Amino acid sequence: MITKQPQRWVALAAIALGTALCTLAPAVANAAGAGKRDRVVMQVSDNDPAKWNLALNNAENLQQALGAKNIDIEIVAYGPGINMLKAESIVGNRIDDAMKAGVKLEACQVTMRKAKLTKADMLDKIGYVPGGVIEIMHREQEGWAYIRP
Protein backbone atom coordinates (compact mmCIF):
# COMPACT_ATOMS: atom_id res chain seq x y z
CA MET A 1 0.00 0.00 0.00
CA ILE A 2 1.41 3.42 -1.04
CA THR A 3 0.92 6.21 1.42
CA LYS A 4 0.26 9.84 0.42
CA GLN A 5 2.10 11.16 3.47
CA PRO A 6 5.29 12.21 1.55
CA GLN A 7 3.20 14.17 -0.92
CA ARG A 8 1.66 16.16 1.93
CA TRP A 9 5.11 17.04 3.27
CA VAL A 10 6.19 18.19 -0.18
CA ALA A 11 3.06 20.32 -0.51
CA LEU A 12 3.52 21.82 2.96
CA ALA A 13 7.19 22.54 2.24
CA ALA A 14 6.25 24.27 -1.03
CA ILE A 15 3.68 26.42 0.74
CA ALA A 16 6.17 27.36 3.47
CA LEU A 17 8.84 28.23 0.90
CA GLY A 18 6.38 30.35 -1.10
CA THR A 19 5.29 32.19 2.02
CA ALA A 20 8.89 32.86 3.02
CA LEU A 21 9.74 34.20 -0.43
CA CYS A 22 6.71 36.50 -0.45
CA THR A 23 7.69 37.80 2.98
CA LEU A 24 11.34 38.36 2.08
CA ALA A 25 10.83 39.90 -1.39
CA PRO A 26 9.90 43.40 -0.14
CA ALA A 27 12.80 43.41 2.33
CA VAL A 28 15.24 42.43 -0.41
CA ALA A 29 13.82 45.10 -2.74
CA ASN A 30 14.12 47.76 -0.02
CA ALA A 31 17.68 46.72 0.78
CA ALA A 32 18.62 46.91 -2.90
CA GLY A 33 17.41 50.53 -3.09
CA ALA A 34 18.65 51.51 0.36
CA GLY A 35 21.69 53.37 -0.93
CA LYS A 36 19.81 55.13 -3.71
CA ARG A 37 19.48 58.89 -3.35
CA ASP A 38 16.24 60.70 -4.02
CA ARG A 39 16.44 63.29 -6.80
CA VAL A 40 14.09 66.15 -7.52
CA VAL A 41 14.12 68.94 -10.08
CA MET A 42 11.97 72.02 -9.54
CA GLN A 43 10.83 74.52 -12.12
CA VAL A 44 10.48 78.22 -11.34
CA SER A 45 9.31 80.20 -14.35
CA ASP A 46 7.36 82.95 -12.58
CA ASN A 47 8.74 86.34 -11.57
CA ASP A 48 7.10 85.97 -8.19
CA PRO A 49 8.97 86.04 -4.87
CA ALA A 50 6.19 83.94 -3.31
CA LYS A 51 6.81 81.15 -5.86
CA TRP A 52 10.54 81.32 -5.21
CA ASN A 53 10.00 81.19 -1.45
CA LEU A 54 7.70 78.20 -1.93
CA ALA A 55 10.33 76.40 -4.03
CA LEU A 56 13.02 77.18 -1.46
CA ASN A 57 10.73 76.04 1.38
CA ASN A 58 10.05 72.80 -0.51
CA ALA A 59 13.79 72.21 -0.91
CA GLU A 60 14.45 72.91 2.77
CA ASN A 61 11.58 70.65 3.87
CA LEU A 62 12.80 67.81 1.65
CA GLN A 63 16.30 68.07 3.10
CA GLN A 64 14.95 68.09 6.66
CA ALA A 65 12.62 65.14 6.05
CA LEU A 66 15.01 62.94 4.10
CA GLY A 67 18.39 64.25 5.23
CA ALA A 68 20.35 66.62 3.02
CA LYS A 69 22.87 63.88 2.23
CA ASN A 70 20.09 61.62 0.91
CA ILE A 71 18.61 63.89 -1.75
CA ASP A 72 19.77 65.83 -4.79
CA ILE A 73 17.74 68.99 -5.41
CA GLU A 74 18.02 71.16 -8.50
CA ILE A 75 15.96 74.30 -9.06
CA VAL A 76 15.87 75.45 -12.69
CA ALA A 77 14.82 79.03 -13.49
CA TYR A 78 13.77 80.16 -16.93
CA GLY A 79 11.47 82.74 -18.48
CA PRO A 80 10.36 85.41 -16.01
CA GLY A 81 11.62 83.23 -13.14
CA ILE A 82 15.19 84.14 -14.10
CA ASN A 83 14.72 87.54 -12.42
CA MET A 84 14.96 85.95 -8.99
CA LEU A 85 18.51 84.82 -9.83
CA LYS A 86 19.68 88.35 -10.65
CA ALA A 87 22.24 89.97 -8.36
CA GLU A 88 19.64 92.34 -6.87
CA SER A 89 17.10 89.55 -6.19
CA ILE A 90 14.94 90.06 -3.13
CA VAL A 91 15.26 86.32 -2.39
CA GLY A 92 19.02 86.38 -2.93
CA ASN A 93 19.86 85.63 0.72
CA ARG A 94 17.57 82.60 0.75
CA ILE A 95 19.04 81.38 -2.54
CA ASP A 96 22.52 81.69 -1.08
CA ASP A 97 21.44 79.71 2.01
CA ALA A 98 19.93 76.99 -0.20
CA MET A 99 23.14 76.69 -2.22
CA LYS A 100 25.17 76.42 1.01
CA ALA A 101 22.83 73.56 2.00
CA GLY A 102 23.60 71.76 -1.26
CA VAL A 103 20.69 72.81 -3.49
CA LYS A 104 21.74 73.46 -7.08
CA LEU A 105 20.26 76.58 -8.66
CA GLU A 106 20.45 76.76 -12.44
CA ALA A 107 19.74 79.68 -14.77
CA CYS A 108 18.58 79.11 -18.33
CA GLN A 109 21.08 80.56 -20.79
CA VAL A 110 18.44 80.85 -23.54
CA THR A 111 16.41 83.14 -21.29
CA MET A 112 19.53 85.07 -20.33
CA ARG A 113 20.45 85.69 -23.98
CA LYS A 114 16.93 86.85 -24.84
CA ALA A 115 16.90 89.17 -21.81
CA LYS A 116 20.45 90.36 -22.59
CA LEU A 117 21.70 89.18 -19.21
CA THR A 118 25.29 88.16 -18.53
CA LYS A 119 26.78 86.18 -15.67
CA ALA A 120 27.86 89.52 -14.17
CA ASP A 121 24.14 90.37 -13.79
CA MET A 122 23.44 87.20 -11.82
CA LEU A 123 23.90 86.01 -8.24
CA ASP A 124 27.31 84.54 -7.46
CA LYS A 125 27.76 80.77 -7.44
CA ILE A 126 24.57 79.83 -9.32
CA GLY A 127 24.88 77.35 -12.16
CA TYR A 128 23.91 77.66 -15.79
CA VAL A 129 22.21 75.27 -18.18
CA PRO A 130 21.93 75.70 -21.94
CA GLY A 131 18.12 75.49 -21.79
CA GLY A 132 15.88 75.32 -18.72
CA VAL A 133 13.12 73.27 -20.32
CA ILE A 134 15.67 70.89 -21.81
CA GLU A 135 17.36 70.47 -18.41
CA ILE A 136 14.05 69.59 -16.76
CA MET A 137 13.17 67.20 -19.59
CA HIS A 138 16.53 65.42 -19.29
CA ARG A 139 16.25 65.16 -15.53
CA GLU A 140 12.81 63.59 -15.83
CA GLN A 141 14.17 61.11 -18.40
CA GLU A 142 16.89 60.22 -15.86
CA GLY A 143 14.21 59.40 -13.29
CA TRP A 144 14.22 62.62 -11.25
CA ALA A 145 10.95 63.65 -9.62
CA TYR A 146 9.49 66.89 -10.99
CA ILE A 147 7.91 69.64 -8.90
CA ARG A 148 6.50 72.95 -10.03
CA PRO A 149 5.58 75.02 -7.00
C-alpha atoms as a PDB file:
ATOM      1  CA  MET A   1       0.000   0.000   0.000  1.00  0.00           C
ATOM      2  CA  ILE A   2       1.412   3.421  -1.041  1.00  0.00           C
ATOM      3  CA  THR A   3       0.919   6.207   1.421  1.00  0.00           C
ATOM      4  CA  LYS A   4       0.258   9.839   0.423  1.00  0.00           C
ATOM      5  CA  GLN A   5       2.096  11.159   3.475  1.00  0.00           C
ATOM      6  CA  PRO A   6       5.295  12.207   1.548  1.00  0.00           C
ATOM      7  CA  GLN A   7       3.201  14.175  -0.919  1.00  0.00           C
ATOM      8  CA  ARG A   8       1.657  16.163   1.930  1.00  0.00           C
ATOM      9  CA  TRP A   9       5.113  17.040   3.270  1.00  0.00           C
ATOM     10  CA  VAL A  10       6.193  18.195  -0.178  1.00  0.00           C
ATOM     11  CA  ALA A  11       3.063  20.318  -0.514  1.00  0.00           C
ATOM     12  CA  LEU A  12       3.520  21.819   2.961  1.00  0.00           C
ATOM     13  CA  ALA A  13       7.186  22.541   2.242  1.00  0.00           C
ATOM     14  CA  ALA A  14       6.251  24.269  -1.028  1.00  0.00           C
ATOM     15  CA  ILE A  15       3.680  26.422   0.743  1.00  0.00           C
ATOM     16  CA  ALA A  16       6.175  27.356   3.467  1.00  0.00           C
ATOM     17  CA  LEU A  17       8.837  28.232   0.897  1.00  0.00           C
ATOM     18  CA  GLY A  18       6.375  30.349  -1.097  1.00  0.00           C
ATOM     19  CA  THR A  19       5.291  32.195   2.023  1.00  0.00           C
ATOM     20  CA  ALA A  20       8.887  32.855   3.020  1.00  0.00           C
ATOM     21  CA  LEU A  21       9.742  34.199  -0.432  1.00  0.00           C
ATOM     22  CA  CYS A  22       6.712  36.497  -0.453  1.00  0.00           C
ATOM     23  CA  THR A  23       7.687  37.798   2.980  1.00  0.00           C
ATOM     24  CA  LEU A  24      11.341  38.357   2.081  1.00  0.00           C
ATOM     25  CA  ALA A  25      10.835  39.896  -1.385  1.00  0.00           C
ATOM     26  CA  PRO A  26       9.896  43.400  -0.140  1.00  0.00           C
ATOM     27  CA  ALA A  27      12.804  43.407   2.329  1.00  0.00           C
ATOM     28  CA  VAL A  28      15.242  42.433  -0.411  1.00  0.00           C
ATOM     29  CA  ALA A  29      13.815  45.098  -2.740  1.00  0.00           C
ATOM     30  CA  ASN A  30      14.123  47.760  -0.025  1.00  0.00           C
ATOM     31  CA  ALA A  31      17.684  46.721   0.781  1.00  0.00           C
ATOM     32  CA  ALA A  32      18.621  46.910  -2.899  1.00  0.00           C
ATOM     33  CA  GLY A  33      17.406  50.533  -3.086  1.00  0.00           C
ATOM     34  CA  ALA A  34      18.651  51.506   0.365  1.00  0.00           C
ATOM     35  CA  GLY A  35      21.691  53.372  -0.934  1.00  0.00           C
ATOM     36  CA  LYS A  36      19.806  55.132  -3.710  1.00  0.00           C
ATOM     37  CA  ARG A  37      19.482  58.894  -3.355  1.00  0.00           C
ATOM     38  CA  ASP A  38      16.238  60.696  -4.021  1.00  0.00           C
ATOM     39  CA  ARG A  39      16.442  63.285  -6.802  1.00  0.00           C
ATOM     40  CA  VAL A  40      14.086  66.153  -7.519  1.00  0.00           C
ATOM     41  CA  VAL A  41      14.125  68.941 -10.078  1.00  0.00           C
ATOM     42  CA  MET A  42      11.966  72.022  -9.537  1.00  0.00           C
ATOM     43  CA  GLN A  43      10.828  74.522 -12.116  1.00  0.00           C
ATOM     44  CA  VAL A  44      10.479  78.215 -11.340  1.00  0.00           C
ATOM     45  CA  SER A  45       9.315  80.196 -14.351  1.00  0.00           C
ATOM     46  CA  ASP A  46       7.360  82.948 -12.578  1.00  0.00           C
ATOM     47  CA  ASN A  47       8.743  86.337 -11.572  1.00  0.00           C
ATOM     48  CA  ASP A  48       7.097  85.972  -8.192  1.00  0.00           C
ATOM     49  CA  PRO A  49       8.966  86.041  -4.870  1.00  0.00           C
ATOM     50  CA  ALA A  50       6.186  83.938  -3.312  1.00  0.00           C
ATOM     51  CA  LYS A  51       6.811  81.151  -5.863  1.00  0.00           C
ATOM     52  CA  TRP A  52      10.542  81.317  -5.209  1.00  0.00           C
ATOM     53  CA  ASN A  53      10.004  81.190  -1.455  1.00  0.00           C
ATOM     54  CA  LEU A  54       7.698  78.204  -1.934  1.00  0.00           C
ATOM     55  CA  ALA A  55      10.331  76.395  -4.028  1.00  0.00           C
ATOM     56  CA  LEU A  56      13.023  77.176  -1.456  1.00  0.00           C
ATOM     57  CA  ASN A  57      10.727  76.042   1.381  1.00  0.00           C
ATOM     58  CA  ASN A  58      10.052  72.796  -0.513  1.00  0.00           C
ATOM     59  CA  ALA A  59      13.789  72.210  -0.907  1.00  0.00           C
ATOM     60  CA  GLU A  60      14.451  72.907   2.765  1.00  0.00           C
ATOM     61  CA  ASN A  61      11.580  70.652   3.872  1.00  0.00           C
ATOM     62  CA  LEU A  62      12.799  67.807   1.649  1.00  0.00           C
ATOM     63  CA  GLN A  63      16.297  68.068   3.097  1.00  0.00           C
ATOM     64  CA  GLN A  64      14.950  68.089   6.657  1.00  0.00           C
ATOM     65  CA  ALA A  65      12.619  65.140   6.051  1.00  0.00           C
ATOM     66  CA  LEU A  66      15.014  62.938   4.101  1.00  0.00           C
ATOM     67  CA  GLY A  67      18.388  64.252   5.227  1.00  0.00           C
ATOM     68  CA  ALA A  68      20.353  66.622   3.020  1.00  0.00           C
ATOM     69  CA  LYS A  69      22.866  63.880   2.232  1.00  0.00           C
ATOM     70  CA  ASN A  70      20.094  61.623   0.915  1.00  0.00           C
ATOM     71  CA  ILE A  71      18.607  63.888  -1.753  1.00  0.00           C
ATOM     72  CA  ASP A  72      19.772  65.833  -4.790  1.00  0.00           C
ATOM     73  CA  ILE A  73      17.741  68.990  -5.411  1.00  0.00           C
ATOM     74  CA  GLU A  74      18.023  71.163  -8.497  1.00  0.00           C
ATOM     75  CA  ILE A  75      15.959  74.305  -9.057  1.00  0.00           C
ATOM     76  CA  VAL A  76      15.867  75.455 -12.685  1.00  0.00           C
ATOM     77  CA  ALA A  77      14.818  79.025 -13.487  1.00  0.00           C
ATOM     78  CA  TYR A  78      13.768  80.164 -16.929  1.00  0.00           C
ATOM     79  CA  GLY A  79      11.466  82.742 -18.485  1.00  0.00           C
ATOM     80  CA  PRO A  80      10.363  85.414 -16.012  1.00  0.00           C
ATOM     81  CA  GLY A  81      11.617  83.234 -13.140  1.00  0.00           C
ATOM     82  CA  ILE A  82      15.186  84.138 -14.102  1.00  0.00           C
ATOM     83  CA  ASN A  83      14.725  87.542 -12.421  1.00  0.00           C
ATOM     84  CA  MET A  84      14.956  85.953  -8.986  1.00  0.00           C
ATOM     85  CA  LEU A  85      18.509  84.823  -9.834  1.00  0.00           C
ATOM     86  CA  LYS A  86      19.675  88.353 -10.651  1.00  0.00           C
ATOM     87  CA  ALA A  87      22.236  89.974  -8.363  1.00  0.00           C
ATOM     88  CA  GLU A  88      19.637  92.341  -6.871  1.00  0.00           C
ATOM     89  CA  SER A  89      17.098  89.550  -6.189  1.00  0.00           C
ATOM     90  CA  ILE A  90      14.936  90.057  -3.127  1.00  0.00           C
ATOM     91  CA  VAL A  91      15.260  86.322  -2.388  1.00  0.00           C
ATOM     92  CA  GLY A  92      19.022  86.380  -2.930  1.00  0.00           C
ATOM     93  CA  ASN A  93      19.858  85.628   0.717  1.00  0.00           C
ATOM     94  CA  ARG A  94      17.572  82.600   0.752  1.00  0.00           C
ATOM     95  CA  ILE A  95      19.037  81.380  -2.536  1.00  0.00           C
ATOM     96  CA  ASP A  96      22.525  81.692  -1.076  1.00  0.00           C
ATOM     97  CA  ASP A  97      21.444  79.709   2.005  1.00  0.00           C
ATOM     98  CA  ALA A  98      19.929  76.989  -0.197  1.00  0.00           C
ATOM     99  CA  MET A  99      23.144  76.695  -2.217  1.00  0.00           C
ATOM    100  CA  LYS A 100      25.168  76.422   1.010  1.00  0.00           C
ATOM    101  CA  ALA A 101      22.825  73.565   1.999  1.00  0.00           C
ATOM    102  CA  GLY A 102      23.599  71.758  -1.263  1.00  0.00           C
ATOM    103  CA  VAL A 103      20.694  72.813  -3.487  1.00  0.00           C
ATOM    104  CA  LYS A 104      21.743  73.460  -7.084  1.00  0.00           C
ATOM    105  CA  LEU A 105      20.265  76.580  -8.656  1.00  0.00           C
ATOM    106  CA  GLU A 106      20.447  76.758 -12.436  1.00  0.00           C
ATOM    107  CA  ALA A 107      19.743  79.681 -14.767  1.00  0.00           C
ATOM    108  CA  CYS A 108      18.585  79.107 -18.335  1.00  0.00           C
ATOM    109  CA  GLN A 109      21.081  80.560 -20.794  1.00  0.00           C
ATOM    110  CA  VAL A 110      18.443  80.853 -23.539  1.00  0.00           C
ATOM    111  CA  THR A 111      16.410  83.140 -21.289  1.00  0.00           C
ATOM    112  CA  MET A 112      19.535  85.071 -20.334  1.00  0.00           C
ATOM    113  CA  ARG A 113      20.450  85.685 -23.983  1.00  0.00           C
ATOM    114  CA  LYS A 114      16.933  86.847 -24.837  1.00  0.00           C
ATOM    115  CA  ALA A 115      16.901  89.168 -21.810  1.00  0.00           C
ATOM    116  CA  LYS A 116      20.445  90.362 -22.592  1.00  0.00           C
ATOM    117  CA  LEU A 117      21.698  89.177 -19.209  1.00  0.00           C
ATOM    118  CA  THR A 118      25.291  88.161 -18.532  1.00  0.00           C
ATOM    119  CA  LYS A 119      26.784  86.178 -15.669  1.00  0.00           C
ATOM    120  CA  ALA A 120      27.861  89.520 -14.171  1.00  0.00           C
ATOM    121  CA  ASP A 121      24.140  90.367 -13.789  1.00  0.00           C
ATOM    122  CA  MET A 122      23.437  87.205 -11.820  1.00  0.00           C
ATOM    123  CA  LEU A 123      23.904  86.008  -8.236  1.00  0.00           C
ATOM    124  CA  ASP A 124      27.307  84.536  -7.460  1.00  0.00           C
ATOM    125  CA  LYS A 125      27.757  80.773  -7.438  1.00  0.00           C
ATOM    126  CA  ILE A 126      24.574  79.826  -9.316  1.00  0.00           C
ATOM    127  CA  GLY A 127      24.883  77.353 -12.157  1.00  0.00           C
ATOM    128  CA  TYR A 128      23.908  77.662 -15.788  1.00  0.00           C
ATOM    129  CA  VAL A 129      22.205  75.268 -18.176  1.00  0.00           C
ATOM    130  CA  PRO A 130      21.925  75.697 -21.944  1.00  0.00           C
ATOM    131  CA  GLY A 131      18.124  75.487 -21.787  1.00  0.00           C
ATOM    132  CA  GLY A 132      15.880  75.318 -18.720  1.00  0.00           C
ATOM    133  CA  VAL A 133      13.116  73.272 -20.324  1.00  0.00           C
ATOM    134  CA  ILE A 134      15.675  70.890 -21.814  1.00  0.00           C
ATOM    135  CA  GLU A 135      17.356  70.472 -18.407  1.00  0.00           C
ATOM    136  CA  ILE A 136      14.046  69.588 -16.762  1.00  0.00           C
ATOM    137  CA  MET A 137      13.166  67.199 -19.591  1.00  0.00           C
ATOM    138  CA  HIS A 138      16.527  65.422 -19.286  1.00  0.00           C
ATOM    139  CA  ARG A 139      16.252  65.162 -15.528  1.00  0.00           C
ATOM    140  CA  GLU A 140      12.808  63.590 -15.830  1.00  0.00           C
ATOM    141  CA  GLN A 141      14.170  61.107 -18.396  1.00  0.00           C
ATOM    142  CA  GLU A 142      16.891  60.220 -15.860  1.00  0.00           C
ATOM    143  CA  GLY A 143      14.208  59.401 -13.288  1.00  0.00           C
ATOM    144  CA  TRP A 144      14.223  62.624 -11.252  1.00  0.00           C
ATOM    145  CA  ALA A 145      10.945  63.645  -9.620  1.00  0.00           C
ATOM    146  CA  TYR A 146       9.492  66.887 -10.993  1.00  0.00           C
ATOM    147  CA  ILE A 147       7.911  69.637  -8.899  1.00  0.00           C
ATOM    148  CA  ARG A 148       6.500  72.950 -10.027  1.00  0.00           C
ATOM    149  CA  PRO A 149       5.575  75.024  -6.995  1.00  0.00           C
END
